[in-house]
Amino acid sequence: MESNEFKKDILEQGAIVQRDRETYAIAPHLPGGITNTATLRKLADIGDKYGCKLVKVTSAQRIALVGLKEEDLENVWAELDIEKGAAIGFCVRSVKICPGIDFCKRAKQDSVGVGLAIDRKYHGMQLPNKFKIGVSGCPNCCAESAVKDIGIVGTSNGFKVMAGGNAGGQPRIADTICEGKSAEEVLEIVDSIITLYQKAARKGQRLSKFIDKVGIDSLTRFIDIPAGEKGKAMEEISQMNS
């Protein structure tokens, strides 16, 4: 077994090494933070069985089991029988979603429906850097949409889409891309943004830095042009980012 001094995150197990450099935390994928009592019981029972030191509700709407031994990780995942949350690595993380019109009296749009559709398609997708998405059902922005790589906000006239937000060491408020869009239009816009970022950004470059380099107009232009012309536009934008 690897010496504690050199222990690192284990990507294939979705396991994050803890401060003690001996134990790990895992975060099963709970899309939108939506689950049921049976799953909560399973998490608690398996956490007890394998000596979990802490159960943590994360900012990404996951439930992390903290303090697990490396030799137990495979068995823990097998018994949970839940998809691993994409909590580490250069990929699309869990989509943060507010309760939306199904539950919240303030919601203007179906954030849960849109958010889950995005999560199903992109969760865990490999990209040049980590990628966070927030879907809020109203301008109160409970999913912190304004500081996500892609932020979606419900309004009385449809959805507003933003891009390039970042809440990290160099905070950045996302640029507004468009407003008054339907759920179907939002999904197409998200696909265009992720496609361009995946193909034209450099490894390690966050979407915010990519937008700062090529300009927000390049992104909006790519979204708006017909599908048959996107290939040429992508090449041009890639050259701008070189």
C-alpha atoms as a PDB file:
ATOM      1  CA  MET A   1       0.000   0.000   0.000  1.00  0.00           C
ATOM      2  CA  GLU A   2       1.219   3.506  -0.764  1.00  0.00           C
ATOM      3  CA  SER A   3       2.878   5.417   2.056  1.00  0.00           C
ATOM      4  CA  ASN A   4       0.631   7.971   3.748  1.00  0.00           C
ATOM      5  CA  GLU A   5       3.148  10.677   2.852  1.00  0.00           C
ATOM      6  CA  PHE A   6       2.441  10.189  -0.839  1.00  0.00           C
ATOM      7  CA  LYS A   7      -1.255   9.386  -0.814  1.00  0.00           C
ATOM      8  CA  LYS A   8      -3.254  11.365  -3.348  1.00  0.00           C
ATOM      9  CA  ASP A   9      -6.837  11.609  -4.593  1.00  0.00           C
ATOM     10  CA  ILE A  10      -7.998   8.427  -6.321  1.00  0.00           C
ATOM     11  CA  LEU A  11      -9.873   9.583  -9.417  1.00  0.00           C
ATOM     12  CA  GLU A  12     -11.238   6.189 -10.407  1.00  0.00           C
ATOM     13  CA  GLN A  13     -12.805   5.812  -6.965  1.00  0.00           C
ATOM     14  CA  GLY A  14     -13.990   9.421  -6.776  1.00  0.00           C
ATOM     15  CA  ALA A  15     -12.056   9.584  -3.507  1.00  0.00           C
ATOM     16  CA  ILE A  16     -10.483  12.735  -2.063  1.00  0.00           C
ATOM     17  CA  VAL A  17      -7.640  12.238   0.395  1.00  0.00           C
ATOM     18  CA  GLN A  18      -8.217  14.025   3.690  1.00  0.00           C
ATOM     19  CA  ARG A  19      -5.998  16.233   5.806  1.00  0.00           C
ATOM     20  CA  ASP A  20      -4.707  13.230   7.749  1.00  0.00           C
ATOM     21  CA  ARG A  21      -3.272  11.886   4.453  1.00  0.00           C
ATOM     22  CA  GLU A  22      -4.630   8.517   5.461  1.00  0.00           C
ATOM     23  CA  THR A  23      -8.396   8.466   4.938  1.00  0.00           C
ATOM     24  CA  TYR A  24     -10.670   9.484   2.064  1.00  0.00           C
ATOM     25  CA  ALA A  25     -13.993  11.184   1.379  1.00  0.00           C
ATOM     26  CA  ILE A  26     -16.394  10.092  -1.334  1.00  0.00           C
ATOM     27  CA  ALA A  27     -19.505  11.849  -2.642  1.00  0.00           C
ATOM     28  CA  PRO A  28     -22.174   9.695  -4.312  1.00  0.00           C
ATOM     29  CA  HIS A  29     -23.996  11.496  -7.107  1.00  0.00           C
ATOM     30  CA  LEU A  30     -27.387  12.840  -6.032  1.00  0.00           C
ATOM     31  CA  PRO A  31     -28.559  14.855  -9.078  1.00  0.00           C
ATOM     32  CA  GLY A  32     -29.709  18.274  -7.951  1.00  0.00           C
ATOM     33  CA  GLY A  33     -29.451  17.133  -4.344  1.00  0.00           C
ATOM     34  CA  ILE A  34     -32.726  15.277  -4.846  1.00  0.00           C
ATOM     35  CA  THR A  35     -32.984  11.888  -3.152  1.00  0.00           C
ATOM     36  CA  ASN A  36     -35.273   9.794  -0.941  1.00  0.00           C
ATOM     37  CA  THR A  37     -35.359   8.387   2.569  1.00  0.00           C
ATOM     38  CA  ALA A  38     -34.252   4.918   1.452  1.00  0.00           C
ATOM     39  CA  THR A  39     -31.057   6.325  -0.043  1.00  0.00           C
ATOM     40  CA  LEU A  40     -30.395   8.373   3.090  1.00  0.00           C
ATOM     41  CA  ARG A  41     -30.774   5.234   5.219  1.00  0.00           C
ATOM     42  CA  LYS A  42     -28.403   3.348   2.934  1.00  0.00           C
ATOM     43  CA  LEU A  43     -25.789   6.106   3.177  1.00  0.00           C
ATOM     44  CA  ALA A  44     -26.079   6.118   6.966  1.00  0.00           C
ATOM     45  CA  ASP A  45     -25.919   2.336   7.309  1.00  0.00           C
ATOM     46  CA  ILE A  46     -22.913   1.920   5.018  1.00  0.00           C
ATOM     47  CA  GLY A  47     -21.193   4.883   6.659  1.00  0.00           C
ATOM     48  CA  ASP A  48     -21.604   3.177  10.033  1.00  0.00           C
ATOM     49  CA  LYS A  49     -20.427  -0.182   8.684  1.00  0.00           C
ATOM     50  CA  TYR A  50     -17.164   1.213   7.347  1.00  0.00           C
ATOM     51  CA  GLY A  51     -16.371   3.613  10.166  1.00  0.00           C
ATOM     52  CA  CYS A  52     -17.207   6.876   8.425  1.00  0.00           C
ATOM     53  CA  LYS A  53     -15.991   9.730  10.649  1.00  0.00           C
ATOM     54  CA  LEU A  54     -18.277  12.440   9.307  1.00  0.00           C
ATOM     55  CA  VAL A  55     -21.255  12.881   6.982  1.00  0.00           C
ATOM     56  CA  LYS A  56     -21.073  16.228   5.178  1.00  0.00           C
ATOM     57  CA  VAL A  57     -23.724  17.919   3.040  1.00  0.00           C
ATOM     58  CA  THR A  58     -21.594  19.654   0.418  1.00  0.00           C
ATOM     59  CA  SER A  59     -22.050  22.961  -1.376  1.00  0.00           C
ATOM     60  CA  ALA A  60     -22.599  20.968  -4.585  1.00  0.00           C
ATOM     61  CA  GLN A  61     -25.716  19.273  -3.142  1.00  0.00           C
ATOM     62  CA  ARG A  62     -23.983  15.954  -2.502  1.00  0.00           C
ATOM     63  CA  ILE A  63     -23.677  13.977   0.730  1.00  0.00           C
ATOM     64  CA  ALA A  64     -20.049  13.112   1.395  1.00  0.00           C
ATOM     65  CA  LEU A  65     -18.908  10.189   3.508  1.00  0.00           C
ATOM     66  CA  VAL A  66     -15.683  11.362   5.128  1.00  0.00           C
ATOM     67  CA  GLY A  67     -12.927   9.366   6.799  1.00  0.00           C
ATOM     68  CA  LEU A  68     -13.060   6.084   4.884  1.00  0.00           C
ATOM     69  CA  LYS A  69     -10.117   3.715   4.604  1.00  0.00           C
ATOM     70  CA  GLU A  70      -8.556   3.183   1.177  1.00  0.00           C
ATOM     71  CA  GLU A  71      -8.991  -0.589   1.353  1.00  0.00           C
ATOM     72  CA  ASP A  72     -12.751  -0.168   1.927  1.00  0.00           C
ATOM     73  CA  LEU A  73     -13.519   2.173  -0.977  1.00  0.00           C
ATOM     74  CA  GLU A  74     -14.327  -0.500  -3.562  1.00  0.00           C
ATOM     75  CA  ASN A  75     -16.701  -2.313  -1.208  1.00  0.00           C
ATOM     76  CA  VAL A  76     -18.369   0.931  -0.146  1.00  0.00           C
ATOM     77  CA  TRP A  77     -19.164   1.852  -3.741  1.00  0.00           C
ATOM     78  CA  ALA A  78     -20.379  -1.663  -4.529  1.00  0.00           C
ATOM     79  CA  GLU A  79     -22.791  -1.649  -1.592  1.00  0.00           C
ATOM     80  CA  LEU A  80     -23.995   1.886  -2.214  1.00  0.00           C
ATOM     81  CA  ASP A  81     -24.744   1.076  -5.877  1.00  0.00           C
ATOM     82  CA  ILE A  82     -24.890   4.804  -6.614  1.00  0.00           C
ATOM     83  CA  GLU A  83     -23.058   6.652  -9.388  1.00  0.00           C
ATOM     84  CA  LYS A  84     -19.864   8.348  -8.239  1.00  0.00           C
ATOM     85  CA  GLY A  85     -20.145  12.125  -7.981  1.00  0.00           C
ATOM     86  CA  ALA A  86     -17.731  14.014 -10.236  1.00  0.00           C
ATOM     87  CA  ALA A  87     -16.183  15.900  -7.328  1.00  0.00           C
ATOM     88  CA  ILE A  88     -12.584  15.997  -8.593  1.00  0.00           C
ATOM     89  CA  GLY A  89     -10.762  16.228 -11.895  1.00  0.00           C
ATOM     90  CA  PHE A  90     -11.200  18.268 -15.073  1.00  0.00           C
ATOM     91  CA  CYS A  91     -14.852  17.556 -15.771  1.00  0.00           C
ATOM     92  CA  VAL A  92     -18.426  18.774 -15.415  1.00  0.00           C
ATOM     93  CA  ARG A  93     -19.291  18.683 -11.735  1.00  0.00           C
ATOM     94  CA  SER A  94     -22.752  18.054 -10.315  1.00  0.00           C
ATOM     95  CA  VAL A  95     -25.275  20.622 -11.539  1.00  0.00           C
ATOM     96  CA  LYS A  96     -26.553  22.779  -8.681  1.00  0.00           C
ATOM     97  CA  ILE A  97     -30.333  23.192  -8.849  1.00  0.00           C
ATOM     98  CA  CYS A  98     -32.862  25.079  -6.750  1.00  0.00           C
ATOM     99  CA  PRO A  99     -36.318  23.557  -5.956  1.00  0.00           C
ATOM    100  CA  GLY A 100     -37.986  25.364  -8.880  1.00  0.00           C
ATOM    101  CA  ILE A 101     -41.673  25.551  -9.701  1.00  0.00           C
ATOM    102  CA  ASP A 102     -42.351  22.075  -8.294  1.00  0.00           C
ATOM    103  CA  PHE A 103     -41.844  23.344  -4.751  1.00  0.00           C
ATOM    104  CA  CYS A 104     -40.868  27.011  -4.415  1.00  0.00           C
ATOM    105  CA  LYS A 105     -43.513  29.751  -4.430  1.00  0.00           C
ATOM    106  CA  ARG A 106     -40.993  32.257  -5.815  1.00  0.00           C
ATOM    107  CA  ALA A 107     -39.878  30.187  -8.789  1.00  0.00           C
ATOM    108  CA  LYS A 108     -40.580  31.516 -12.276  1.00  0.00           C
ATOM    109  CA  GLN A 109     -39.329  28.555 -14.346  1.00  0.00           C
ATOM    110  CA  ASP A 110     -38.710  24.803 -14.125  1.00  0.00           C
ATOM    111  CA  SER A 111     -35.146  24.779 -12.856  1.00  0.00           C
ATOM    112  CA  VAL A 112     -35.355  21.127 -11.785  1.00  0.00           C
ATOM    113  CA  GLY A 113     -36.391  19.885 -15.229  1.00  0.00           C
ATOM    114  CA  VAL A 114     -33.700  21.878 -17.012  1.00  0.00           C
ATOM    115  CA  GLY A 115     -31.035  21.158 -14.416  1.00  0.00           C
ATOM    116  CA  LEU A 116     -31.616  17.403 -14.388  1.00  0.00           C
ATOM    117  CA  ALA A 117     -31.579  17.284 -18.199  1.00  0.00           C
ATOM    118  CA  ILE A 118     -28.193  19.047 -18.186  1.00  0.00           C
ATOM    119  CA  ASP A 119     -26.873  16.811 -15.405  1.00  0.00           C
ATOM    120  CA  ARG A 120     -27.886  13.620 -17.231  1.00  0.00           C
ATOM    121  CA  LYS A 121     -26.063  14.681 -20.388  1.00  0.00           C
ATOM    122  CA  TYR A 122     -22.911  16.303 -19.042  1.00  0.00           C
ATOM    123  CA  HIS A 123     -22.144  15.144 -15.491  1.00  0.00           C
ATOM    124  CA  GLY A 124     -18.596  13.809 -15.444  1.00  0.00           C
ATOM    125  CA  MET A 125     -17.795  14.859 -19.029  1.00  0.00           C
ATOM    126  CA  GLN A 126     -14.066  15.499 -19.447  1.00  0.00           C
ATOM    127  CA  LEU A 127     -13.247  19.136 -20.240  1.00  0.00           C
ATOM    128  CA  PRO A 128     -10.143  21.374 -20.186  1.00  0.00           C
ATOM    129  CA  ASN A 129     -10.786  22.232 -16.523  1.00  0.00           C
ATOM    130  CA  LYS A 130     -13.434  21.772 -13.862  1.00  0.00           C
ATOM    131  CA  PHE A 131     -16.810  23.070 -14.959  1.00  0.00           C
ATOM    132  CA  LYS A 132     -19.687  24.135 -12.738  1.00  0.00           C
ATOM    133  CA  ILE A 133     -23.302  24.790 -13.675  1.00  0.00           C
ATOM    134  CA  GLY A 134     -26.058  26.363 -11.600  1.00  0.00           C
ATOM    135  CA  VAL A 135     -29.765  26.464 -12.475  1.00  0.00           C
ATOM    136  CA  SER A 136     -31.991  28.832 -10.494  1.00  0.00           C
ATOM    137  CA  GLY A 137     -35.737  29.121 -10.882  1.00  0.00           C
ATOM    138  CA  CYS A 138     -35.890  32.851 -10.120  1.00  0.00           C
ATOM    139  CA  PRO A 139     -33.624  35.922  -9.838  1.00  0.00           C
ATOM    140  CA  ASN A 140     -32.949  35.141  -6.157  1.00  0.00           C
ATOM    141  CA  CYS A 141     -30.341  32.824  -7.710  1.00  0.00           C
ATOM    142  CA  CYS A 142     -30.259  30.175  -4.970  1.00  0.00           C
ATOM    143  CA  ALA A 143     -28.084  27.940  -7.172  1.00  0.00           C
ATOM    144  CA  GLU A 144     -25.433  30.696  -7.293  1.00  0.00           C
ATOM    145  CA  SER A 145     -25.792  30.883 -11.061  1.00  0.00           C
ATOM    146  CA  ALA A 146     -23.854  34.149 -11.392  1.00  0.00           C
ATOM    147  CA  VAL A 147     -20.595  32.530 -10.231  1.00  0.00           C
ATOM    148  CA  LYS A 148     -20.819  29.323 -12.271  1.00  0.00           C
ATOM    149  CA  ASP A 149     -19.156  28.514 -15.586  1.00  0.00           C
ATOM    150  CA  ILE A 150     -22.693  28.365 -16.942  1.00  0.00           C
ATOM    151  CA  GLY A 151     -25.471  30.012 -14.971  1.00  0.00           C
ATOM    152  CA  ILE A 152     -29.163  29.743 -15.779  1.00  0.00           C
ATOM    153  CA  VAL A 153     -31.823  31.885 -14.092  1.00  0.00           C
ATOM    154  CA  GLY A 154     -35.585  31.721 -14.446  1.00  0.00           C
ATOM    155  CA  THR A 155     -37.470  34.981 -15.046  1.00  0.00           C
ATOM    156  CA  SER A 156     -41.070  35.866 -15.842  1.00  0.00           C
ATOM    157  CA  ASN A 157     -40.156  35.916 -19.554  1.00  0.00           C
ATOM    158  CA  GLY A 158     -38.176  32.675 -19.689  1.00  0.00           C
ATOM    159  CA  PHE A 159     -34.592  31.790 -18.831  1.00  0.00           C
ATOM    160  CA  LYS A 160     -31.527  34.005 -18.715  1.00  0.00           C
ATOM    161  CA  VAL A 161     -28.233  32.281 -19.592  1.00  0.00           C
ATOM    162  CA  MET A 162     -24.858  33.473 -18.290  1.00  0.00           C
ATOM    163  CA  ALA A 163     -21.328  32.172 -18.831  1.00  0.00           C
ATOM    164  CA  GLY A 164     -17.868  32.620 -17.367  1.00  0.00           C
ATOM    165  CA  GLY A 165     -18.629  32.930 -13.673  1.00  0.00           C
ATOM    166  CA  ASN A 166     -16.087  31.844 -11.094  1.00  0.00           C
ATOM    167  CA  ALA A 167     -16.145  31.888  -7.295  1.00  0.00           C
ATOM    168  CA  GLY A 168     -12.521  30.808  -6.875  1.00  0.00           C
ATOM    169  CA  GLY A 169      -9.328  32.678  -6.084  1.00  0.00           C
ATOM    170  CA  GLN A 170     -10.069  35.214  -8.815  1.00  0.00           C
ATOM    171  CA  PRO A 171     -13.848  35.756  -8.543  1.00  0.00           C
ATOM    172  CA  ARG A 172     -15.728  36.720 -11.675  1.00  0.00           C
ATOM    173  CA  ILE A 173     -19.410  37.430 -12.277  1.00  0.00           C
ATOM    174  CA  ALA A 174     -20.706  35.606 -15.340  1.00  0.00           C
ATOM    175  CA  ASP A 175     -21.508  37.522 -18.515  1.00  0.00           C
ATOM    176  CA  THR A 176     -25.137  37.495 -19.631  1.00  0.00           C
ATOM    177  CA  ILE A 177     -25.398  35.636 -22.938  1.00  0.00           C
ATOM    178  CA  CYS A 178     -29.109  35.898 -23.623  1.00  0.00           C
ATOM    179  CA  GLU A 179     -32.532  36.257 -21.985  1.00  0.00           C
ATOM    180  CA  GLY A 180     -36.113  35.166 -22.546  1.00  0.00           C
ATOM    181  CA  LYS A 181     -35.209  31.639 -23.675  1.00  0.00           C
ATOM    182  CA  SER A 182     -37.323  28.476 -23.467  1.00  0.00           C
ATOM    183  CA  ALA A 183     -36.078  25.333 -21.757  1.00  0.00           C
ATOM    184  CA  GLU A 184     -35.367  23.749 -25.154  1.00  0.00           C
ATOM    185  CA  GLU A 185     -33.384  26.783 -26.281  1.00  0.00           C
ATOM    186  CA  VAL A 186     -31.396  26.766 -23.047  1.00  0.00           C
ATOM    187  CA  LEU A 187     -30.312  23.161 -23.626  1.00  0.00           C
ATOM    188  CA  GLU A 188     -29.118  24.030 -27.140  1.00  0.00           C
ATOM    189  CA  ILE A 189     -27.193  27.060 -25.838  1.00  0.00           C
ATOM    190  CA  VAL A 190     -25.546  25.003 -23.098  1.00  0.00           C
ATOM    191  CA  ASP A 191     -24.516  22.422 -25.675  1.00  0.00           C
ATOM    192  CA  SER A 192     -22.931  25.106 -27.874  1.00  0.00           C
ATOM    193  CA  ILE A 193     -20.975  26.610 -24.968  1.00  0.00           C
ATOM    194  CA  ILE A 194     -19.669  23.254 -23.758  1.00  0.00           C
ATOM    195  CA  THR A 195     -18.812  22.119 -27.294  1.00  0.00           C
ATOM    196  CA  LEU A 196     -16.805  25.258 -28.006  1.00  0.00           C
ATOM    197  CA  TYR A 197     -15.046  25.142 -24.653  1.00  0.00           C
ATOM    198  CA  GLN A 198     -14.204  21.459 -25.044  1.00  0.00           C
ATOM    199  CA  LYS A 199     -12.697  21.916 -28.499  1.00  0.00           C
ATOM    200  CA  ALA A 200     -11.144  25.396 -28.366  1.00  0.00           C
ATOM    201  CA  ALA A 201      -9.923  25.941 -24.788  1.00  0.00           C
ATOM    202  CA  ARG A 202      -6.465  24.955 -23.600  1.00  0.00           C
ATOM    203  CA  LYS A 203      -5.972  22.289 -20.928  1.00  0.00           C
ATOM    204  CA  GLY A 204      -6.202  23.899 -17.513  1.00  0.00           C
ATOM    205  CA  GLN A 205      -7.997  26.994 -18.832  1.00  0.00           C
ATOM    206  CA  ARG A 206     -11.260  27.780 -17.035  1.00  0.00           C
ATOM    207  CA  LEU A 207     -14.163  29.039 -19.133  1.00  0.00           C
ATOM    208  CA  SER A 208     -13.805  32.492 -17.546  1.00  0.00           C
ATOM    209  CA  LYS A 209     -10.191  32.759 -18.757  1.00  0.00           C
ATOM    210  CA  PHE A 210     -11.179  31.409 -22.172  1.00  0.00           C
ATOM    211  CA  ILE A 211     -13.866  34.096 -22.510  1.00  0.00           C
ATOM    212  CA  ASP A 212     -11.460  36.796 -21.369  1.00  0.00           C
ATOM    213  CA  LYS A 213      -9.028  35.690 -24.089  1.00  0.00           C
ATOM    214  CA  VAL A 214     -11.366  35.298 -27.088  1.00  0.00           C
ATOM    215  CA  GLY A 215     -14.044  37.806 -26.045  1.00  0.00           C
ATOM    216  CA  ILE A 216     -17.658  37.292 -25.072  1.00  0.00           C
ATOM    217  CA  ASP A 217     -18.725  38.290 -28.602  1.00  0.00           C
ATOM    218  CA  SER A 218     -16.955  35.213 -29.983  1.00  0.00           C
ATOM    219  CA  LEU A 219     -18.985  32.993 -27.685  1.00  0.00           C
ATOM    220  CA  THR A 220     -22.328  34.607 -28.510  1.00  0.00           C
ATOM    221  CA  ARG A 221     -21.511  34.512 -32.218  1.00  0.00           C
ATOM    222  CA  PHE A 222     -20.741  30.797 -32.018  1.00  0.00           C
ATOM    223  CA  ILE A 223     -24.041  30.148 -30.256  1.00  0.00           C
ATOM    224  CA  ASP A 224     -26.061  32.045 -32.853  1.00  0.00           C
ATOM    225  CA  ILE A 225     -24.571  30.760 -36.109  1.00  0.00           C
ATOM    226  CA  PRO A 226     -26.172  27.805 -37.955  1.00  0.00           C
ATOM    227  CA  ALA A 227     -24.897  24.315 -37.125  1.00  0.00           C
ATOM    228  CA  GLY A 228     -23.284  23.923 -40.525  1.00  0.00           C
ATOM    229  CA  GLU A 229     -21.034  26.937 -39.942  1.00  0.00           C
ATOM    230  CA  LYS A 230     -19.930  26.126 -36.384  1.00  0.00           C
ATOM    231  CA  GLY A 231     -16.889  24.107 -37.474  1.00  0.00           C
ATOM    232  CA  LYS A 232     -15.281  27.039 -39.264  1.00  0.00           C
ATOM    233  CA  ALA A 233     -16.105  29.424 -36.411  1.00  0.00           C
ATOM    234  CA  MET A 234     -14.589  27.004 -33.908  1.00  0.00           C
ATOM    235  CA  GLU A 235     -11.323  26.938 -35.856  1.00  0.00           C
ATOM    236  CA  GLU A 236     -11.200  30.738 -35.900  1.00  0.00           C
ATOM    237  CA  ILE A 237     -11.866  30.990 -32.178  1.00  0.00           C
ATOM    238  CA  SER A 238      -9.257  28.304 -31.439  1.00  0.00           C
ATOM    239  CA  GLN A 239      -6.673  30.377 -33.302  1.00  0.00           C
ATOM    240  CA  MET A 240      -7.633  33.423 -31.248  1.00  0.00           C
ATOM    241  CA  ASN A 241      -6.945  31.406 -28.105  1.00  0.00           C
ATOM    242  CA  SER A 242      -3.579  30.063 -29.240  1.00  0.00           C
END
